[in-house]
Each structure stands twice: as structure tokens, then as C-alpha cells.
Amino acid sequence: MTKPASSEERLVYDVPEAGAMLGLTRNGSYAAAKRGDLPTIRIGGLIKVPKAAFHAMLEGTQKQAS
């Protein structure tokens, strides 16, 4: 049995998890993903948010705000 990866080791977030980091509700998180406001990938029936793309998106918004 494999040990679950810690959040630092993981390469993807769940949609509600990424949304929560932005202060969104579960439904708001999925709505943002559907609109394309959150970077997502599909793995079978799952929707995941790539950690690198999520943080790059946030870095980009910080640079635009400056």
C-alpha cells in the first residue's frame, strides 16, 4: 500500500482545494474551473488543478497588479 503524498509532494490539487485557497466555495470552485478561471486537466472523469499552473496563474496576476 502506498503512502498518500503530502501537499508539498503532490503535483495536482482537487478543484475545491484550489478554490478554497482563493476563498471560493465548492460550487464556486467548479464554476471557476468551468469558465476557465482555474487551470484544469482531466484524468478520466476527474478534474484536477495542476499545482504549477495554479501558482503560475497567481504569479501572473500579481505581476499585472503591480
PDB file of N, CA and C in Angstrom:
ATOM      1  N   MET A   1       0.845  -1.179   0.000  1.00  0.00           N
ATOM      2  CA  MET A   1       0.000   0.000   0.000  1.00  0.00           C
ATOM      3  C   MET A   1       0.893   1.246   0.000  1.00  0.00           C
ATOM      4  N   THR A   2       0.587   2.210  -0.869  1.00  0.00           N
ATOM      5  CA  THR A   2       1.403   3.415  -0.947  1.00  0.00           C
ATOM      6  C   THR A   2       0.904   4.461   0.026  1.00  0.00           C
ATOM      7  N   LYS A   3       1.827   5.253   0.486  1.00  0.00           N
ATOM      8  CA  LYS A   3       1.522   6.335   1.426  1.00  0.00           C
ATOM      9  C   LYS A   3       1.016   7.541   0.640  1.00  0.00           C
ATOM     10  N   PRO A   4      -0.059   8.210   1.088  1.00  0.00           N
ATOM     11  CA  PRO A   4      -0.533   9.400   0.381  1.00  0.00           C
ATOM     12  C   PRO A   4       0.543  10.487   0.379  1.00  0.00           C
ATOM     13  N   ALA A   5       0.660  11.176  -0.739  1.00  0.00           N
ATOM     14  CA  ALA A   5       1.653  12.245  -0.857  1.00  0.00           C
ATOM     15  C   ALA A   5       1.207  13.458  -0.049  1.00  0.00           C
ATOM     16  N   SER A   6       2.168  14.127   0.561  1.00  0.00           N
ATOM     17  CA  SER A   6       1.844  15.360   1.275  1.00  0.00           C
ATOM     18  C   SER A   6       1.555  16.445   0.247  1.00  0.00           C
ATOM     19  N   SER A   7       0.976  17.556   0.692  1.00  0.00           N
ATOM     20  CA  SER A   7       0.624  18.628  -0.244  1.00  0.00           C
ATOM     21  C   SER A   7       1.852  19.205  -0.936  1.00  0.00           C
ATOM     22  N   GLU A   8       3.010  19.125  -0.319  1.00  0.00           N
ATOM     23  CA  GLU A   8       4.233  19.621  -0.952  1.00  0.00           C
ATOM     24  C   GLU A   8       4.705  18.698  -2.067  1.00  0.00           C
ATOM     25  N   GLU A   9       4.427  17.391  -1.953  1.00  0.00           N
ATOM     26  CA  GLU A   9       4.857  16.414  -2.943  1.00  0.00           C
ATOM     27  C   GLU A   9       3.867  16.272  -4.089  1.00  0.00           C
ATOM     28  N   ARG A  10       2.622  16.593  -3.855  1.00  0.00           N
ATOM     29  CA  ARG A  10       1.580  16.415  -4.867  1.00  0.00           C
ATOM     30  C   ARG A  10       1.779  17.361  -6.039  1.00  0.00           C
ATOM     31  N   LEU A  11       1.397  16.909  -7.217  1.00  0.00           N
ATOM     32  CA  LEU A  11       1.518  17.723  -8.422  1.00  0.00           C
ATOM     33  C   LEU A  11       0.209  18.376  -8.819  1.00  0.00           C
ATOM     34  N   VAL A  12      -0.891  17.921  -8.216  1.00  0.00           N
ATOM     35  CA  VAL A  12      -2.212  18.472  -8.545  1.00  0.00           C
ATOM     36  C   VAL A  12      -3.011  18.727  -7.271  1.00  0.00           C
ATOM     37  N   TYR A  13      -3.971  19.650  -7.401  1.00  0.00           N
ATOM     38  CA  TYR A  13      -4.937  19.910  -6.344  1.00  0.00           C
ATOM     39  C   TYR A  13      -6.304  19.431  -6.821  1.00  0.00           C
ATOM     40  N   ASP A  14      -7.195  19.123  -5.896  1.00  0.00           N
ATOM     41  CA  ASP A  14      -8.597  18.925  -6.243  1.00  0.00           C
ATOM     42  C   ASP A  14      -9.182  20.310  -6.507  1.00  0.00           C
ATOM     43  N   VAL A  15     -10.233  20.374  -7.315  1.00  0.00           N
ATOM     44  CA  VAL A  15     -10.842  21.671  -7.650  1.00  0.00           C
ATOM     45  C   VAL A  15     -11.295  22.416  -6.388  1.00  0.00           C
ATOM     46  N   PRO A  16     -12.023  21.777  -5.470  1.00  0.00           N
ATOM     47  CA  PRO A  16     -12.437  22.514  -4.263  1.00  0.00           C
ATOM     48  C   PRO A  16     -11.253  22.970  -3.410  1.00  0.00           C
ATOM     49  N   GLU A  17     -10.185  22.186  -3.408  1.00  0.00           N
ATOM     50  CA  GLU A  17      -8.990  22.538  -2.638  1.00  0.00           C
ATOM     51  C   GLU A  17      -8.339  23.805  -3.211  1.00  0.00           C
ATOM     52  N   ALA A  18      -8.189  23.857  -4.530  1.00  0.00           N
ATOM     53  CA  ALA A  18      -7.611  25.049  -5.170  1.00  0.00           C
ATOM     54  C   ALA A  18      -8.525  26.248  -4.972  1.00  0.00           C
ATOM     55  N   GLY A  19      -9.823  26.033  -5.128  1.00  0.00           N
ATOM     56  CA  GLY A  19     -10.779  27.127  -4.932  1.00  0.00           C
ATOM     57  C   GLY A  19     -10.755  27.663  -3.515  1.00  0.00           C
ATOM     58  N   ALA A  20     -10.620  26.772  -2.541  1.00  0.00           N
ATOM     59  CA  ALA A  20     -10.580  27.197  -1.139  1.00  0.00           C
ATOM     60  C   ALA A  20      -9.389  28.110  -0.878  1.00  0.00           C
ATOM     61  N   MET A  21      -8.273  27.858  -1.572  1.00  0.00           N
ATOM     62  CA  MET A  21      -7.105  28.728  -1.414  1.00  0.00           C
ATOM     63  C   MET A  21      -7.381  30.137  -1.922  1.00  0.00           C
ATOM     64  N   LEU A  22      -8.399  30.257  -2.775  1.00  0.00           N
ATOM     65  CA  LEU A  22      -8.789  31.566  -3.312  1.00  0.00           C
ATOM     66  C   LEU A  22     -10.017  32.128  -2.606  1.00  0.00           C
ATOM     67  N   GLY A  23     -10.512  31.404  -1.604  1.00  0.00           N
ATOM     68  CA  GLY A  23     -11.679  31.858  -0.862  1.00  0.00           C
ATOM     69  C   GLY A  23     -12.995  31.512  -1.529  1.00  0.00           C
ATOM     70  N   LEU A  24     -12.988  30.523  -2.420  1.00  0.00           N
ATOM     71  CA  LEU A  24     -14.203  30.119  -3.119  1.00  0.00           C
ATOM     72  C   LEU A  24     -14.872  28.943  -2.417  1.00  0.00           C
ATOM     73  N   THR A  25     -16.176  28.848  -2.580  1.00  0.00           N
ATOM     74  CA  THR A  25     -16.909  27.690  -2.092  1.00  0.00           C
ATOM     75  C   THR A  25     -16.670  26.530  -3.059  1.00  0.00           C
ATOM     76  N   ARG A  26     -17.161  25.354  -2.692  1.00  0.00           N
ATOM     77  CA  ARG A  26     -17.037  24.185  -3.571  1.00  0.00           C
ATOM     78  C   ARG A  26     -17.713  24.459  -4.920  1.00  0.00           C
ATOM     79  N   ASN A  27     -18.958  24.955  -4.886  1.00  0.00           N
ATOM     80  CA  ASN A  27     -19.671  25.240  -6.131  1.00  0.00           C
ATOM     81  C   ASN A  27     -18.984  26.349  -6.918  1.00  0.00           C
ATOM     82  N   GLY A  28     -18.507  27.366  -6.223  1.00  0.00           N
ATOM     83  CA  GLY A  28     -17.789  28.453  -6.887  1.00  0.00           C
ATOM     84  C   GLY A  28     -16.502  27.980  -7.538  1.00  0.00           C
ATOM     85  N   SER A  29     -15.857  27.010  -6.902  1.00  0.00           N
ATOM     86  CA  SER A  29     -14.613  26.451  -7.442  1.00  0.00           C
ATOM     87  C   SER A  29     -14.871  25.736  -8.757  1.00  0.00           C
ATOM     88  N   TYR A  30     -15.915  24.907  -8.789  1.00  0.00           N
ATOM     89  CA  TYR A  30     -16.243  24.192 -10.029  1.00  0.00           C
ATOM     90  C   TYR A  30     -16.726  25.148 -11.118  1.00  0.00           C
ATOM     91  N   ALA A  31     -17.443  26.200 -10.728  1.00  0.00           N
ATOM     92  CA  ALA A  31     -17.879  27.198 -11.708  1.00  0.00           C
ATOM     93  C   ALA A  31     -16.669  27.921 -12.303  1.00  0.00           C
ATOM     94  N   ALA A  32     -15.697  28.270 -11.460  1.00  0.00           N
ATOM     95  CA  ALA A  32     -14.477  28.929 -11.947  1.00  0.00           C
ATOM     96  C   ALA A  32     -13.705  28.003 -12.879  1.00  0.00           C
ATOM     97  N   ALA A  33     -13.655  26.724 -12.547  1.00  0.00           N
ATOM     98  CA  ALA A  33     -12.970  25.749 -13.408  1.00  0.00           C
ATOM     99  C   ALA A  33     -13.683  25.639 -14.750  1.00  0.00           C
ATOM    100  N   LYS A  34     -15.012  25.613 -14.727  1.00  0.00           N
ATOM    101  CA  LYS A  34     -15.791  25.504 -15.963  1.00  0.00           C
ATOM    102  C   LYS A  34     -15.596  26.725 -16.853  1.00  0.00           C
ATOM    103  N   ARG A  35     -15.488  27.912 -16.248  1.00  0.00           N
ATOM    104  CA  ARG A  35     -15.264  29.152 -17.007  1.00  0.00           C
ATOM    105  C   ARG A  35     -13.840  29.257 -17.537  1.00  0.00           C
ATOM    106  N   GLY A  36     -12.938  28.449 -16.980  1.00  0.00           N
ATOM    107  CA  GLY A  36     -11.534  28.541 -17.382  1.00  0.00           C
ATOM    108  C   GLY A  36     -10.738  29.479 -16.494  1.00  0.00           C
ATOM    109  N   ASP A  37     -11.328  29.930 -15.400  1.00  0.00           N
ATOM    110  CA  ASP A  37     -10.622  30.813 -14.469  1.00  0.00           C
ATOM    111  C   ASP A  37      -9.586  30.051 -13.652  1.00  0.00           C
ATOM    112  N   LEU A  38      -9.764  28.743 -13.511  1.00  0.00           N
ATOM    113  CA  LEU A  38      -8.781  27.875 -12.864  1.00  0.00           C
ATOM    114  C   LEU A  38      -8.189  26.964 -13.940  1.00  0.00           C
ATOM    115  N   PRO A  39      -6.879  26.801 -13.964  1.00  0.00           N
ATOM    116  CA  PRO A  39      -6.290  25.866 -14.936  1.00  0.00           C
ATOM    117  C   PRO A  39      -6.613  24.430 -14.518  1.00  0.00           C
ATOM    118  N   THR A  40      -7.128  23.643 -15.439  1.00  0.00           N
ATOM    119  CA  THR A  40      -7.514  22.279 -15.097  1.00  0.00           C
ATOM    120  C   THR A  40      -7.026  21.279 -16.136  1.00  0.00           C
ATOM    121  N   ILE A  41      -6.940  20.034 -15.703  1.00  0.00           N
ATOM    122  CA  ILE A  41      -6.715  18.911 -16.594  1.00  0.00           C
ATOM    123  C   ILE A  41      -7.732  17.840 -16.231  1.00  0.00           C
ATOM    124  N   ARG A  42      -8.068  17.013 -17.211  1.00  0.00           N
ATOM    125  CA  ARG A  42      -8.991  15.900 -16.971  1.00  0.00           C
ATOM    126  C   ARG A  42      -8.203  14.603 -16.972  1.00  0.00           C
ATOM    127  N   ILE A  43      -8.472  13.784 -15.986  1.00  0.00           N
ATOM    128  CA  ILE A  43      -7.893  12.450 -15.896  1.00  0.00           C
ATOM    129  C   ILE A  43      -9.077  11.514 -15.735  1.00  0.00           C
ATOM    130  N   GLY A  44      -9.474  10.892 -16.833  1.00  0.00           N
ATOM    131  CA  GLY A  44     -10.704  10.096 -16.801  1.00  0.00           C
ATOM    132  C   GLY A  44     -11.864  11.019 -16.474  1.00  0.00           C
ATOM    133  N   GLY A  45     -12.617  10.686 -15.455  1.00  0.00           N
ATOM    134  CA  GLY A  45     -13.739  11.517 -15.034  1.00  0.00           C
ATOM    135  C   GLY A  45     -13.377  12.565 -13.998  1.00  0.00           C
ATOM    136  N   LEU A  46     -12.109  12.619 -13.627  1.00  0.00           N
ATOM    137  CA  LEU A  46     -11.668  13.565 -12.595  1.00  0.00           C
ATOM    138  C   LEU A  46     -11.196  14.872 -13.216  1.00  0.00           C
ATOM    139  N   ILE A  47     -11.423  15.952 -12.517  1.00  0.00           N
ATOM    140  CA  ILE A  47     -10.883  17.261 -12.903  1.00  0.00           C
ATOM    141  C   ILE A  47      -9.887  17.646 -11.826  1.00  0.00           C
ATOM    142  N   LYS A  48      -8.666  17.935 -12.230  1.00  0.00           N
ATOM    143  CA  LYS A  48      -7.606  18.309 -11.301  1.00  0.00           C
ATOM    144  C   LYS A  48      -7.013  19.653 -11.710  1.00  0.00           C
ATOM    145  N   VAL A  49      -6.434  20.341 -10.759  1.00  0.00           N
ATOM    146  CA  VAL A  49      -5.776  21.626 -10.991  1.00  0.00           C
ATOM    147  C   VAL A  49      -4.277  21.400 -10.826  1.00  0.00           C
ATOM    148  N   PRO A  50      -3.505  21.518 -11.913  1.00  0.00           N
ATOM    149  CA  PRO A  50      -2.054  21.336 -11.788  1.00  0.00           C
ATOM    150  C   PRO A  50      -1.457  22.406 -10.872  1.00  0.00           C
ATOM    151  N   LYS A  51      -0.690  21.958  -9.914  1.00  0.00           N
ATOM    152  CA  LYS A  51      -0.105  22.851  -8.911  1.00  0.00           C
ATOM    153  C   LYS A  51       0.755  23.943  -9.566  1.00  0.00           C
ATOM    154  N   ALA A  52       1.601  23.556 -10.510  1.00  0.00           N
ATOM    155  CA  ALA A  52       2.500  24.521 -11.160  1.00  0.00           C
ATOM    156  C   ALA A  52       1.704  25.575 -11.932  1.00  0.00           C
ATOM    157  N   ALA A  53       0.683  25.154 -12.673  1.00  0.00           N
ATOM    158  CA  ALA A  53      -0.124  26.095 -13.447  1.00  0.00           C
ATOM    159  C   ALA A  53      -0.917  27.028 -12.533  1.00  0.00           C
ATOM    160  N   PHE A  54      -1.423  26.490 -11.435  1.00  0.00           N
ATOM    161  CA  PHE A  54      -2.186  27.290 -10.476  1.00  0.00           C
ATOM    162  C   PHE A  54      -1.316  28.404  -9.896  1.00  0.00           C
ATOM    163  N   HIS A  55      -0.115  28.037  -9.442  1.00  0.00           N
ATOM    164  CA  HIS A  55       0.767  29.041  -8.842  1.00  0.00           C
ATOM    165  C   HIS A  55       1.321  30.003  -9.884  1.00  0.00           C
ATOM    166  N   ALA A  56       1.533  29.533 -11.112  1.00  0.00           N
ATOM    167  CA  ALA A  56       1.970  30.426 -12.196  1.00  0.00           C
ATOM    168  C   ALA A  56       0.870  31.436 -12.507  1.00  0.00           C
ATOM    169  N   MET A  57      -0.389  30.993 -12.484  1.00  0.00           N
ATOM    170  CA  MET A  57      -1.517  31.887 -12.707  1.00  0.00           C
ATOM    171  C   MET A  57      -1.531  32.977 -11.641  1.00  0.00           C
ATOM    172  N   LEU A  58      -1.310  32.590 -10.384  1.00  0.00           N
ATOM    173  CA  LEU A  58      -1.305  33.568  -9.305  1.00  0.00           C
ATOM    174  C   LEU A  58      -0.128  34.531  -9.437  1.00  0.00           C
ATOM    175  N   GLU A  59       1.011  34.021  -9.823  1.00  0.00           N
ATOM    176  CA  GLU A  59       2.189  34.884 -10.038  1.00  0.00           C
ATOM    177  C   GLU A  59       1.903  35.906 -11.138  1.00  0.00           C
ATOM    178  N   GLY A  60       1.239  35.459 -12.188  1.00  0.00           N
ATOM    179  CA  GLY A  60       0.895  36.352 -13.299  1.00  0.00           C
ATOM    180  C   GLY A  60      -0.056  37.460 -12.887  1.00  0.00           C
ATOM    181  N   THR A  61      -1.012  37.157 -12.013  1.00  0.00           N
ATOM    182  CA  THR A  61      -1.944  38.177 -11.564  1.00  0.00           C
ATOM    183  C   THR A  61      -1.256  39.173 -10.641  1.00  0.00           C
ATOM    184  N   GLN A  62      -0.268  38.722  -9.878  1.00  0.00           N
ATOM    185  CA  GLN A  62       0.461  39.628  -9.005  1.00  0.00           C
ATOM    186  C   GLN A  62       1.302  40.599  -9.839  1.00  0.00           C
ATOM    187  N   LYS A  63       1.900  40.119 -10.919  1.00  0.00           N
ATOM    188  CA  LYS A  63       2.715  40.989 -11.778  1.00  0.00           C
ATOM    189  C   LYS A  63       1.851  42.007 -12.491  1.00  0.00           C
ATOM    190  N   GLN A  64       0.632  41.612 -12.906  1.00  0.00           N
ATOM    191  CA  GLN A  64      -0.278  42.530 -13.581  1.00  0.00           C
ATOM    192  C   GLN A  64      -0.773  43.622 -12.642  1.00  0.00           C
ATOM    193  N   ALA A  65      -0.939  43.281 -11.365  1.00  0.00           N
ATOM    194  CA  ALA A  65      -1.432  44.238 -10.379  1.00  0.00           C
ATOM    195  C   ALA A  65      -0.372  45.271  -9.999  1.00  0.00           C
ATOM    196  N   SER A  66       0.891  44.940 -10.212  1.00  0.00           N
ATOM    197  CA  SER A  66       1.984  45.856  -9.830  1.00  0.00           C
ATOM    198  C   SER A  66       2.144  47.008 -10.786  1.00  0.00           C
TER     199      SER A  66
END
